[in-house]
Amino acid sequence: MLDNKINANNISSSIFFMTSRAKQTVALHFKVLIFLLLFVFNFSLCSANDSTDEKQIWLVVTRPMFADSLKPLAEKRQSEGFETVISTKSVSEAIESLSKKPDYLLLVGDSQENMDKEPWYLPSNTCQAYKWHMTQGKEFASDSIFGDFDDDMIPDIPVGRLPVRTREQLQLLINKILTFENRPPSLDDLRLPIYTGSADFQPLIDSMTTQFLLQIINIKAAKWLRPWIIAGNETHALCGWPELQAQTFTEELKKGGIMGVFMGHGSINSFFGMNFNRKHLSYTASQAAGIFAEGKPAPPTVIIACNCGNFTSSRSCLAESLLFMPAGPVATIGATTVSHPMTNYFAGMCLLRKPGQVNPANKRLGTLWLDAQKEAIISRDLIMEALLLNIESSIDGNVDAKKVRRDHILMYAFLGDPATKIRMPEPLECKFEQRDGQCNWQVEKPKDATKLYIEIRQDGQSMPPIQLPLEKDSAQKNLQLANDTFAFKRLRELSSDQNWEGIINIPGILRLVTLSPDNIYVTAQKIN
């Protein structure tokens, strides 16, 4: 019995001892687990914070003669939160010397064959061309390829160039950039001037081009956008007087906008408008020089056409010439070689719908353009591809769409700083309630906003009929009437001390806009 009791007690003690040890072990493991979880959590949090707080890198690669002159622009980018690096190494060496890949790359200097001894010389890269047209060379200049870090032939970051040869040219461009970025917001920032040239194939194609453009704007573009269009198509009211197209478009571009866009055919120093009265009418730098001689810089301008961005030519390309005009575009974009109508169509379509996409990154011009390009090379439309892929004569009879897309994203030169800020509007918070043919709306006032503009683009407006042959005064009047169909009519204004709400029963697009010292806020609603 005693032995049994002792054994029982020993067993109980053993069980208790083991239980205690188990509890201690579990407790220890639990503490370790908690410690590990806290460590991982803190590490993740720190990593996330580091990632969030990590500065974007704005890398400039330039020649020694320009390094000091870049300080004002570098200081501006630093004030915006960038880590700024100015290097006089080669592009590859400059990138390799960074702790991480840059977010924007700006090249400062010019590139031209047989000029490598010049102090301003900063060579562009070259890409082998898929040759589908007799006028193409075997290769084309490409700054964009410098931004391809994974060798997939698609740039990972925006790359721009200030194609300067003197410090005075560089100072001009820096002043334009700073003036453009520091300007106060305006309702003109909601404009989009577009010049679509003649397709120069046949009248039917010209007519289709104009209708396609209007359809894209109507379906794809932001409702609040105010397009202004001129078309190289004398059978449409948007033509105006052909011999005044260049002057008229330049005047509209100078008024301002999110950007300006040319779409059509081009050469190194001109954009083709149309043939009229046995004249070949083109847009050239000389026609714009007087208008862009003074004043505030015009908005960035994209020329979706062949060769207009070939800055490596011994002749100044159209994009270069416009860039160096004192009040010309703050940045210009154009192809360095022959571009294809199919990919140009998709590039134009994707670019025109960008302003309607809410993306804070797209407030930098280079990012917006690169995003549009990436969308363009993967966009598909069987009808348009069938129509445009072989519309121009080709060497082999059938053009390889995949190779055309591959070259397209690399051939467009960005002349300007890709980090240039554009006045992309912020969304205006508003509640809409439609009932019984009327719309009740109520706006949440943004901070520092002082006035609300209430505007309407009414339904039922139609283009004026065209009368042939064209006559100068009536053609210009028709152009104005045609563009008035895109305009917003001011209904009223509300000050900051009033309630920002109202009722409207006019069918159309209701646009509500307000400005602050640094931003423009807008919303638009279809009223049935």
Protein backbone atom coordinates (compact mmCIF):
# COMPACT_ATOMS: atom_id res chain seq x y z
CA MET A 1 0.00 0.00 0.00
CA LEU A 2 2.79 2.38 0.96
CA ASP A 3 4.64 1.53 -2.16
CA ASN A 4 1.49 2.08 -4.13
CA LYS A 5 0.93 5.42 -2.39
CA ILE A 6 4.46 6.52 -2.97
CA ASN A 7 4.23 5.46 -6.57
CA ALA A 8 0.96 7.30 -6.93
CA ASN A 9 2.43 10.42 -5.39
CA ASN A 10 5.48 10.11 -7.60
CA ILE A 11 3.25 9.70 -10.58
CA SER A 12 1.20 12.78 -9.57
CA SER A 13 4.37 14.77 -9.00
CA SER A 14 5.74 13.66 -12.32
CA ILE A 15 2.51 14.54 -14.08
CA PHE A 16 2.46 17.95 -12.35
CA PHE A 17 6.14 18.50 -13.18
CA MET A 18 5.63 17.56 -16.80
CA THR A 19 2.51 19.68 -17.04
CA SER A 20 4.38 22.65 -15.59
CA ARG A 21 7.25 22.09 -18.00
CA ALA A 22 4.79 21.83 -20.86
CA LYS A 23 3.14 25.04 -19.78
CA GLN A 24 6.47 26.76 -19.53
CA THR A 25 7.48 25.44 -22.92
CA VAL A 26 4.21 26.56 -24.48
CA ALA A 27 4.53 29.94 -22.78
CA LEU A 28 8.09 30.26 -24.02
CA HIS A 29 7.10 29.28 -27.53
CA PHE A 30 4.19 31.70 -27.38
CA LYS A 31 6.50 34.53 -26.29
CA VAL A 32 8.90 33.69 -29.10
CA LEU A 33 6.01 33.60 -31.55
CA ILE A 34 4.75 36.98 -30.35
CA PHE A 35 8.27 38.40 -30.62
CA LEU A 36 8.65 37.07 -34.14
CA LEU A 37 5.26 38.41 -35.18
CA LEU A 38 6.08 41.82 -33.73
CA PHE A 39 9.46 41.75 -35.45
CA VAL A 40 7.94 40.80 -38.79
CA PHE A 41 5.17 43.37 -38.36
CA ASN A 42 7.62 46.12 -37.46
CA PHE A 43 9.94 45.09 -40.27
CA SER A 44 7.06 45.07 -42.74
CA LEU A 45 5.82 48.38 -41.43
CA CYS A 46 9.29 49.89 -41.66
CA SER A 47 9.75 48.44 -45.13
CA ALA A 48 6.38 49.78 -46.20
CA ASN A 49 7.20 53.18 -44.75
CA ASP A 50 10.60 53.13 -46.35
CA SER A 51 9.00 52.21 -49.68
CA THR A 52 6.37 54.90 -49.29
CA ASP A 53 8.82 57.54 -48.14
CA GLU A 54 11.55 56.58 -50.60
CA LYS A 55 12.14 59.46 -52.95
CA GLN A 56 11.75 59.16 -56.67
CA ILE A 57 14.97 59.78 -58.57
CA TRP A 58 15.12 62.46 -61.26
CA LEU A 59 18.32 61.70 -63.16
CA VAL A 60 19.89 64.17 -65.57
CA VAL A 61 22.67 63.05 -67.88
CA THR A 62 24.40 65.97 -69.51
CA ARG A 63 27.67 67.46 -70.70
CA PRO A 64 29.98 69.42 -68.35
CA MET A 65 29.17 72.74 -70.07
CA PHE A 66 25.52 72.48 -68.96
CA ALA A 67 25.81 71.06 -65.43
CA ASP A 68 25.78 74.38 -63.50
CA SER A 69 22.96 75.84 -65.60
CA LEU A 70 20.65 73.01 -64.54
CA LYS A 71 20.56 74.05 -60.88
CA PRO A 72 17.28 76.06 -61.01
CA LEU A 73 15.41 73.11 -62.50
CA ALA A 74 17.06 70.69 -60.07
CA GLU A 75 16.01 72.90 -57.14
CA LYS A 76 12.45 72.88 -58.42
CA ARG A 77 12.42 69.07 -58.60
CA GLN A 78 13.97 68.85 -55.12
CA SER A 79 11.18 71.05 -53.75
CA GLU A 80 8.71 68.54 -55.18
CA GLY A 81 10.30 65.67 -53.25
CA PHE A 82 12.62 64.20 -55.88
CA GLU A 83 16.13 63.01 -55.24
CA THR A 84 17.96 64.86 -58.00
CA VAL A 85 21.13 63.56 -59.63
CA ILE A 86 23.05 65.44 -62.31
CA SER A 87 25.70 63.32 -64.01
CA THR A 88 28.22 63.92 -66.78
CA LYS A 89 28.91 60.21 -67.18
CA SER A 90 27.51 58.10 -69.98
CA VAL A 91 23.84 57.16 -69.62
CA SER A 92 24.62 53.55 -68.65
CA GLU A 93 27.30 54.57 -66.14
CA ALA A 94 25.05 57.20 -64.60
CA ILE A 95 22.23 54.70 -64.11
CA GLU A 96 24.56 52.03 -62.71
CA SER A 97 25.95 54.48 -60.14
CA LEU A 98 22.50 54.96 -58.54
CA SER A 99 21.23 53.01 -55.54
CA LYS A 100 18.13 52.12 -57.55
CA LYS A 101 16.80 52.68 -61.03
CA PRO A 102 15.71 56.27 -61.76
CA ASP A 103 12.05 57.21 -62.16
CA TYR A 104 12.69 59.90 -64.79
CA LEU A 105 15.64 60.35 -67.12
CA LEU A 106 16.42 63.71 -68.73
CA LEU A 107 19.18 64.04 -71.34
CA VAL A 108 20.59 67.53 -71.81
CA GLY A 109 22.61 68.01 -74.99
CA ASP A 110 22.11 67.39 -78.70
CA SER A 111 22.85 64.46 -80.99
CA GLN A 112 23.89 64.63 -84.61
CA GLU A 113 25.99 62.37 -86.78
CA ASN A 114 29.69 63.32 -87.11
CA MET A 115 29.39 65.92 -84.31
CA ASP A 116 30.88 63.82 -81.52
CA LYS A 117 33.73 66.32 -80.91
CA GLU A 118 31.34 69.13 -80.01
CA PRO A 119 31.06 70.00 -76.27
CA TRP A 120 27.24 69.74 -76.44
CA TYR A 121 27.23 66.28 -78.04
CA LEU A 122 25.17 63.70 -76.15
CA PRO A 123 24.42 60.74 -78.43
CA SER A 124 21.04 59.15 -78.78
CA ASN A 125 20.71 55.39 -78.90
CA THR A 126 19.65 53.66 -82.12
CA CYS A 127 17.28 50.80 -82.85
CA GLN A 128 17.16 48.52 -85.86
CA ALA A 129 14.05 49.36 -87.89
CA TYR A 130 11.49 46.97 -89.26
CA LYS A 131 11.48 48.33 -92.79
CA TRP A 132 8.02 48.25 -94.32
CA HIS A 133 8.29 51.46 -96.37
CA MET A 134 10.86 52.48 -98.99
CA THR A 135 11.55 55.85 -97.30
CA GLN A 136 12.71 54.24 -94.07
CA GLY A 137 16.32 53.85 -93.02
CA LYS A 138 17.83 50.74 -91.49
CA GLU A 139 17.74 52.24 -88.01
CA PHE A 140 16.22 55.14 -86.11
CA ALA A 141 17.21 57.34 -83.18
CA SER A 142 15.67 56.33 -79.87
CA ASP A 143 16.16 57.97 -76.49
CA SER A 144 13.30 55.88 -75.13
CA ILE A 145 15.35 52.70 -75.27
CA PHE A 146 17.57 54.12 -72.49
CA GLY A 147 14.56 53.63 -70.21
CA ASP A 148 14.21 49.91 -70.95
CA PHE A 149 15.78 48.14 -67.99
CA ASP A 150 14.57 44.57 -68.62
CA ASP A 151 15.40 44.31 -72.35
CA ASP A 152 11.80 43.73 -73.44
CA MET A 153 11.91 46.67 -75.91
CA ILE A 154 9.37 48.58 -73.83
CA PRO A 155 10.58 51.58 -71.78
CA ASP A 156 10.13 51.20 -68.02
CA ILE A 157 10.52 54.92 -67.30
CA PRO A 158 9.92 58.13 -69.28
CA VAL A 159 12.97 59.54 -71.04
CA GLY A 160 13.16 63.13 -72.30
CA ARG A 161 15.75 65.39 -73.88
CA LEU A 162 16.52 69.09 -73.98
CA PRO A 163 18.32 69.15 -77.37
CA VAL A 164 20.44 72.21 -76.55
CA ARG A 165 23.78 73.30 -77.95
CA THR A 166 24.31 76.51 -75.95
CA ARG A 167 23.76 77.64 -72.37
CA GLU A 168 21.40 80.31 -73.69
CA GLN A 169 19.19 77.67 -75.28
CA LEU A 170 19.18 75.71 -72.02
CA GLN A 171 18.27 78.81 -70.01
CA LEU A 172 15.36 79.50 -72.38
CA LEU A 173 13.96 76.00 -71.96
CA ILE A 174 14.38 75.95 -68.17
CA ASN A 175 12.62 79.31 -67.88
CA LYS A 176 9.76 77.97 -70.01
CA ILE A 177 9.38 74.88 -67.84
CA LEU A 178 9.39 76.85 -64.58
CA THR A 179 6.99 79.49 -65.93
CA PHE A 180 4.64 76.82 -67.23
CA GLU A 181 4.60 74.85 -63.98
CA ASN A 182 4.21 77.94 -61.77
CA ARG A 183 1.33 79.50 -63.69
CA PRO A 184 -2.02 79.78 -61.86
CA PRO A 185 -4.78 77.34 -62.86
CA SER A 186 -7.27 78.48 -65.46
CA LEU A 187 -10.40 77.21 -67.19
CA ASP A 188 -8.28 77.13 -70.35
CA ASP A 189 -6.47 74.16 -68.79
CA LEU A 190 -9.54 72.10 -69.69
CA ARG A 191 -9.10 72.72 -73.43
CA LEU A 192 -7.68 70.27 -75.98
CA PRO A 193 -6.66 71.81 -79.33
CA ILE A 194 -6.41 69.18 -82.10
CA TYR A 195 -5.20 69.50 -85.68
CA THR A 196 -6.04 66.49 -87.83
CA GLY A 197 -4.47 66.71 -91.26
CA SER A 198 -5.67 65.19 -94.48
CA ALA A 199 -5.10 61.45 -94.83
CA ASP A 200 -4.21 62.28 -98.45
CA PHE A 201 -5.43 58.94 -99.72
CA GLN A 202 -8.89 59.70 -101.05
CA PRO A 203 -11.83 61.97 -100.01
CA LEU A 204 -13.68 59.02 -98.45
CA ILE A 205 -10.77 58.28 -96.09
CA ASP A 206 -10.52 61.98 -95.12
CA SER A 207 -14.21 61.97 -94.26
CA MET A 208 -13.84 58.77 -92.25
CA THR A 209 -10.82 60.20 -90.38
CA THR A 210 -12.81 63.22 -89.25
CA GLN A 211 -15.75 61.08 -88.16
CA PHE A 212 -13.48 58.63 -86.29
CA LEU A 213 -11.92 61.54 -84.39
CA LEU A 214 -15.32 62.94 -83.41
CA GLN A 215 -16.48 59.50 -82.36
CA ILE A 216 -13.40 58.93 -80.17
CA ILE A 217 -13.88 62.31 -78.49
CA ASN A 218 -17.58 61.68 -77.96
CA ILE A 219 -17.12 58.17 -76.53
CA LYS A 220 -13.62 58.02 -75.04
CA ALA A 221 -12.71 61.56 -73.96
CA ALA A 222 -13.61 63.02 -70.56
CA LYS A 223 -17.05 64.69 -70.53
CA TRP A 224 -15.59 67.88 -69.03
CA LEU A 225 -13.02 68.28 -71.82
CA ARG A 226 -13.44 71.20 -74.23
CA PRO A 227 -11.99 70.10 -77.60
CA TRP A 228 -11.10 72.59 -80.30
CA ILE A 229 -10.58 70.91 -83.68
CA ILE A 230 -9.41 71.87 -87.13
CA ALA A 231 -9.48 69.25 -89.91
CA GLY A 232 -7.80 68.99 -93.29
CA ASN A 233 -11.08 68.00 -94.90
CA GLU A 234 -12.81 70.60 -97.03
CA THR A 235 -16.09 68.68 -96.98
CA HIS A 236 -16.45 69.31 -93.23
CA ALA A 237 -17.25 72.50 -91.31
CA LEU A 238 -14.18 71.90 -89.09
CA CYS A 239 -11.96 72.70 -92.07
CA GLY A 240 -12.23 76.47 -92.00
CA TRP A 241 -10.31 78.34 -94.65
CA PRO A 242 -7.46 75.95 -95.61
CA GLU A 243 -4.85 78.65 -96.12
CA LEU A 244 -5.45 79.94 -92.57
CA GLN A 245 -5.36 76.56 -90.82
CA ALA A 246 -1.78 76.86 -89.53
CA GLN A 247 -2.30 80.37 -88.16
CA THR A 248 -5.69 79.56 -86.66
CA PHE A 249 -4.47 76.42 -84.91
CA THR A 250 -1.39 78.16 -83.50
CA GLU A 251 -3.58 80.92 -82.04
CA GLU A 252 -5.82 78.33 -80.40
CA LEU A 253 -2.85 76.37 -79.07
CA LYS A 254 -1.43 79.53 -77.51
CA LYS A 255 -4.65 80.05 -75.52
CA GLY A 256 -3.77 76.96 -73.49
CA GLY A 257 -4.97 73.46 -72.78
CA ILE A 258 -3.96 70.18 -71.20
CA MET A 259 -1.97 69.56 -74.38
CA GLY A 260 -2.06 70.15 -78.10
CA VAL A 261 -2.24 67.30 -80.61
CA PHE A 262 -1.36 67.01 -84.32
CA MET A 263 -2.50 63.85 -86.12
CA GLY A 264 -1.68 63.07 -89.74
CA HIS A 265 1.30 63.00 -92.10
CA GLY A 266 4.57 64.75 -91.49
CA SER A 267 8.14 65.33 -92.60
CA ILE A 268 11.17 66.49 -90.63
CA ASN A 269 10.20 70.16 -90.65
CA SER A 270 6.47 70.24 -91.47
CA PHE A 271 3.07 68.74 -90.73
CA PHE A 272 0.84 68.16 -93.75
CA GLY A 273 -2.51 69.95 -93.60
CA MET A 274 -4.20 69.32 -96.93
CA ASN A 275 -4.14 69.95 -100.66
CA PHE A 276 -6.29 72.91 -101.72
CA ASN A 277 -6.53 74.87 -104.96
CA ARG A 278 -3.50 72.98 -106.27
CA LYS A 279 -1.48 74.01 -103.23
CA HIS A 280 0.23 71.69 -100.78
CA LEU A 281 -0.59 73.30 -97.43
CA SER A 282 1.57 72.39 -94.46
CA TYR A 283 2.19 73.60 -90.92
CA THR A 284 5.77 74.85 -90.53
CA ALA A 285 7.78 76.56 -87.84
CA SER A 286 7.93 79.81 -89.82
CA GLN A 287 4.14 80.06 -89.73
CA ALA A 288 4.10 79.73 -85.94
CA ALA A 289 7.16 81.84 -85.11
CA GLY A 290 5.41 85.22 -84.96
CA ILE A 291 2.59 83.95 -82.74
CA PHE A 292 4.97 82.12 -80.40
CA ALA A 293 7.47 85.00 -80.25
CA GLU A 294 6.36 86.19 -76.81
CA GLY A 295 3.97 85.42 -74.00
CA LYS A 296 3.44 82.49 -71.67
CA PRO A 297 4.53 79.02 -72.86
CA ALA A 298 2.00 76.99 -74.82
CA PRO A 299 0.95 73.58 -73.48
CA PRO A 300 2.93 70.45 -74.37
CA THR A 301 2.28 69.32 -77.91
CA VAL A 302 2.29 65.84 -79.42
CA ILE A 303 2.81 65.44 -83.18
CA ILE A 304 1.54 62.00 -84.15
CA ALA A 305 3.09 61.84 -87.61
CA CYS A 306 6.23 60.73 -89.42
CA ASN A 307 9.67 62.29 -88.81
CA CYS A 308 8.56 65.51 -87.04
CA GLY A 309 10.65 64.61 -83.98
CA ASN A 310 13.87 63.65 -85.79
CA PHE A 311 16.16 65.84 -83.68
CA THR A 312 19.30 64.04 -84.94
CA SER A 313 18.88 65.47 -88.45
CA SER A 314 21.16 68.26 -89.68
CA ARG A 315 17.95 70.28 -90.15
CA SER A 316 15.88 71.37 -87.17
CA CYS A 317 12.82 69.17 -86.95
CA LEU A 318 9.38 70.69 -86.38
CA ALA A 319 9.25 69.52 -82.76
CA GLU A 320 12.64 71.17 -82.03
CA SER A 321 11.70 74.41 -83.73
CA LEU A 322 8.46 74.77 -81.77
CA LEU A 323 10.23 73.89 -78.51
CA PHE A 324 12.79 76.69 -78.89
CA MET A 325 10.18 79.41 -79.58
CA PRO A 326 9.87 81.64 -76.48
CA ALA A 327 6.11 81.07 -76.17
CA GLY A 328 6.03 77.75 -78.00
CA PRO A 329 5.06 74.45 -76.37
CA VAL A 330 6.81 73.66 -73.09
CA ALA A 331 7.54 70.18 -74.48
CA THR A 332 7.10 68.52 -77.85
CA ILE A 333 6.84 64.88 -78.88
CA GLY A 334 7.38 63.51 -82.36
CA ALA A 335 8.63 60.48 -84.29
CA THR A 336 12.27 60.26 -85.33
CA THR A 337 11.45 58.17 -88.40
CA VAL A 338 8.57 56.95 -90.56
CA SER A 339 5.64 56.00 -88.33
CA HIS A 340 2.75 53.78 -89.29
CA PRO A 341 -0.90 54.95 -89.62
CA MET A 342 -2.21 52.00 -87.63
CA THR A 343 -0.07 52.52 -84.54
CA ASN A 344 -0.48 56.28 -84.84
CA TYR A 345 -4.24 55.80 -84.71
CA PHE A 346 -4.04 53.76 -81.51
CA ALA A 347 -1.54 56.21 -79.99
CA GLY A 348 -3.88 59.11 -80.71
CA MET A 349 -6.91 57.26 -79.37
CA CYS A 350 -5.16 56.29 -76.11
CA LEU A 351 -3.73 59.79 -75.66
CA LEU A 352 -7.11 61.52 -76.14
CA ARG A 353 -8.76 59.47 -73.41
CA LYS A 354 -5.94 59.96 -70.86
CA PRO A 355 -7.31 63.21 -69.38
CA GLY A 356 -10.44 61.36 -68.28
CA GLN A 357 -8.50 58.74 -66.31
CA VAL A 358 -7.93 59.64 -62.67
CA ASN A 359 -4.30 58.77 -62.05
CA PRO A 360 -2.10 61.06 -59.92
CA ALA A 361 1.03 59.80 -61.71
CA ASN A 362 -0.30 61.21 -64.98
CA LYS A 363 0.26 64.73 -63.70
CA ARG A 364 3.79 64.27 -65.00
CA LEU A 365 3.81 64.58 -68.77
CA GLY A 366 6.33 61.81 -69.35
CA THR A 367 4.31 59.31 -67.35
CA LEU A 368 1.09 60.22 -69.14
CA TRP A 369 2.72 59.83 -72.55
CA LEU A 370 4.45 56.55 -71.69
CA ASP A 371 1.22 55.11 -70.26
CA ALA A 372 -0.63 56.08 -73.45
CA GLN A 373 2.10 54.47 -75.57
CA LYS A 374 2.00 51.24 -73.58
CA GLU A 375 -1.76 51.08 -73.97
CA ALA A 376 -1.48 51.83 -77.69
CA ILE A 377 0.81 48.91 -78.52
CA ILE A 378 -1.58 46.40 -76.93
CA SER A 379 -4.83 47.99 -78.13
CA ARG A 380 -6.84 45.97 -80.60
CA ASP A 381 -9.59 46.91 -83.05
CA LEU A 382 -10.05 44.41 -85.88
CA ILE A 383 -11.85 46.87 -88.14
CA MET A 384 -9.30 49.67 -87.77
CA GLU A 385 -6.38 47.26 -88.06
CA ALA A 386 -7.79 45.83 -91.28
CA LEU A 387 -8.38 49.35 -92.61
CA LEU A 388 -5.05 50.91 -91.64
CA LEU A 389 -2.45 48.15 -91.55
CA ASN A 390 -1.89 48.05 -95.31
CA ILE A 391 -3.36 51.42 -96.29
CA GLU A 392 0.06 52.67 -97.38
CA SER A 393 2.22 50.88 -99.91
CA SER A 394 4.68 48.51 -98.30
CA ILE A 395 7.75 46.66 -99.48
CA ASP A 396 6.42 43.13 -98.94
CA GLY A 397 2.76 43.83 -99.57
CA ASN A 398 1.70 42.85 -96.06
CA VAL A 399 2.91 44.70 -92.97
CA ASP A 400 3.83 42.76 -89.82
CA ALA A 401 1.66 44.40 -87.14
CA LYS A 402 3.70 43.00 -84.26
CA LYS A 403 6.95 44.51 -85.54
CA VAL A 404 5.27 47.84 -86.29
CA ARG A 405 4.01 47.98 -82.69
CA ARG A 406 7.47 47.08 -81.37
CA ASP A 407 9.10 50.00 -83.19
CA HIS A 408 6.35 52.50 -82.49
CA ILE A 409 6.88 52.87 -78.75
CA LEU A 410 10.63 53.44 -79.26
CA MET A 411 10.61 55.91 -82.14
CA TYR A 412 8.83 58.87 -80.53
CA ALA A 413 11.24 61.47 -79.12
CA PHE A 414 10.17 63.38 -76.01
CA LEU A 415 11.75 66.86 -76.25
CA GLY A 416 11.40 68.40 -72.82
CA ASP A 417 11.62 67.33 -69.20
CA PRO A 418 9.55 64.14 -68.73
CA ALA A 419 8.87 65.21 -65.11
CA THR A 420 7.10 68.38 -66.29
CA LYS A 421 3.90 68.85 -64.32
CA ILE A 422 0.73 69.36 -66.32
CA ARG A 423 -2.49 70.83 -65.01
CA MET A 424 -4.46 67.60 -64.89
CA PRO A 425 -7.64 68.49 -62.96
CA GLU A 426 -8.65 66.90 -59.68
CA PRO A 427 -12.09 65.26 -59.46
CA LEU A 428 -14.69 67.55 -57.87
CA GLU A 429 -16.79 65.69 -55.31
CA CYS A 430 -20.45 66.13 -56.17
CA LYS A 431 -23.73 64.33 -55.52
CA PHE A 432 -26.14 64.04 -58.44
CA GLU A 433 -29.73 62.91 -58.27
CA GLN A 434 -31.79 62.76 -61.46
CA ARG A 435 -35.57 62.47 -61.35
CA ASP A 436 -38.49 63.55 -63.53
CA GLY A 437 -36.31 65.25 -66.14
CA GLN A 438 -34.24 67.32 -63.73
CA CYS A 439 -30.97 66.90 -61.86
CA ASN A 440 -30.30 68.00 -58.29
CA TRP A 441 -26.61 68.50 -57.55
CA GLN A 442 -24.58 69.38 -54.49
CA VAL A 443 -20.84 70.07 -54.47
CA GLU A 444 -18.41 69.48 -51.62
CA LYS A 445 -16.20 72.58 -51.56
CA PRO A 446 -12.47 71.88 -51.91
CA LYS A 447 -10.09 73.67 -49.61
CA ASP A 448 -9.16 77.20 -50.80
CA ALA A 449 -11.69 77.11 -53.67
CA THR A 450 -13.31 80.52 -54.12
CA LYS A 451 -15.86 80.28 -56.92
CA LEU A 452 -17.93 77.59 -58.63
CA TYR A 453 -18.62 77.80 -62.37
CA ILE A 454 -21.80 76.08 -63.55
CA GLU A 455 -21.78 75.34 -67.28
CA ILE A 456 -23.73 73.28 -69.80
CA ARG A 457 -23.02 71.78 -73.21
CA GLN A 458 -26.50 71.36 -74.59
CA ASP A 459 -27.74 68.35 -76.51
CA GLY A 460 -29.05 68.67 -80.03
CA GLN A 461 -26.31 70.90 -81.41
CA SER A 462 -25.19 70.00 -84.90
CA MET A 463 -22.35 70.97 -87.19
CA PRO A 464 -23.23 73.68 -89.72
CA PRO A 465 -23.69 72.49 -93.31
CA ILE A 466 -20.74 72.96 -95.64
CA GLN A 467 -21.04 74.79 -98.93
CA LEU A 468 -18.63 74.02 -101.76
CA PRO A 469 -16.59 75.55 -103.20
CA LEU A 470 -15.25 77.02 -99.98
CA GLU A 471 -15.33 80.77 -99.48
CA LYS A 472 -12.95 82.33 -96.94
CA ASP A 473 -15.32 84.24 -94.64
CA SER A 474 -18.06 81.62 -94.54
CA ALA A 475 -15.51 78.81 -94.04
CA GLN A 476 -14.00 80.59 -91.02
CA LYS A 477 -17.46 81.29 -89.63
CA ASN A 478 -18.42 77.64 -90.04
CA LEU A 479 -15.23 76.61 -88.23
CA GLN A 480 -16.20 78.76 -85.27
CA LEU A 481 -19.80 77.50 -85.26
CA ALA A 482 -18.61 73.89 -85.50
CA ASN A 483 -16.27 74.29 -82.52
CA ASP A 484 -18.98 76.08 -80.56
CA THR A 485 -20.80 72.74 -80.43
CA PHE A 486 -18.03 71.52 -78.06
CA ALA A 487 -18.18 74.66 -75.88
CA PHE A 488 -19.75 74.95 -72.43
CA LYS A 489 -22.18 77.84 -71.86
CA ARG A 490 -21.88 79.58 -68.49
CA LEU A 491 -25.16 79.38 -66.55
CA ARG A 492 -24.08 81.04 -63.32
CA GLU A 493 -21.30 81.44 -60.76
CA LEU A 494 -21.42 80.80 -57.02
CA SER A 495 -19.08 82.42 -54.48
CA SER A 496 -17.52 80.56 -51.55
CA ASP A 497 -20.06 81.95 -49.05
CA GLN A 498 -23.01 80.50 -50.99
CA ASN A 499 -24.35 76.95 -50.92
CA TRP A 500 -22.89 75.02 -53.81
CA GLU A 501 -26.01 73.23 -54.92
CA GLY A 502 -28.70 73.61 -57.52
CA ILE A 503 -31.21 72.12 -59.94
CA ILE A 504 -30.92 71.87 -63.70
CA ASN A 505 -33.34 70.54 -66.29
CA ILE A 506 -31.46 71.30 -69.53
CA PRO A 507 -30.47 68.14 -71.45
CA GLY A 508 -26.76 67.96 -72.10
CA ILE A 509 -23.46 67.77 -70.20
CA LEU A 510 -23.41 69.68 -66.92
CA ARG A 511 -19.88 70.83 -66.03
CA LEU A 512 -18.99 72.11 -62.57
CA VAL A 513 -15.57 73.71 -62.16
CA THR A 514 -13.75 75.44 -59.33
CA LEU A 515 -10.22 76.76 -58.96
CA SER A 516 -7.82 77.00 -56.04
CA PRO A 517 -4.40 78.68 -56.09
CA ASP A 518 -2.75 75.39 -57.08
CA ASN A 519 -5.45 73.14 -58.55
CA ILE A 520 -8.43 72.96 -60.80
CA TYR A 521 -11.34 70.72 -59.79
CA VAL A 522 -13.98 69.53 -62.25
CA THR A 523 -16.82 67.09 -62.68
CA ALA A 524 -19.32 66.54 -65.47
CA GLN A 525 -22.64 64.74 -65.58
CA LYS A 526 -24.89 63.76 -68.46
CA ILE A 527 -28.36 65.27 -67.94
CA ASN A 528 -31.10 63.35 -69.71
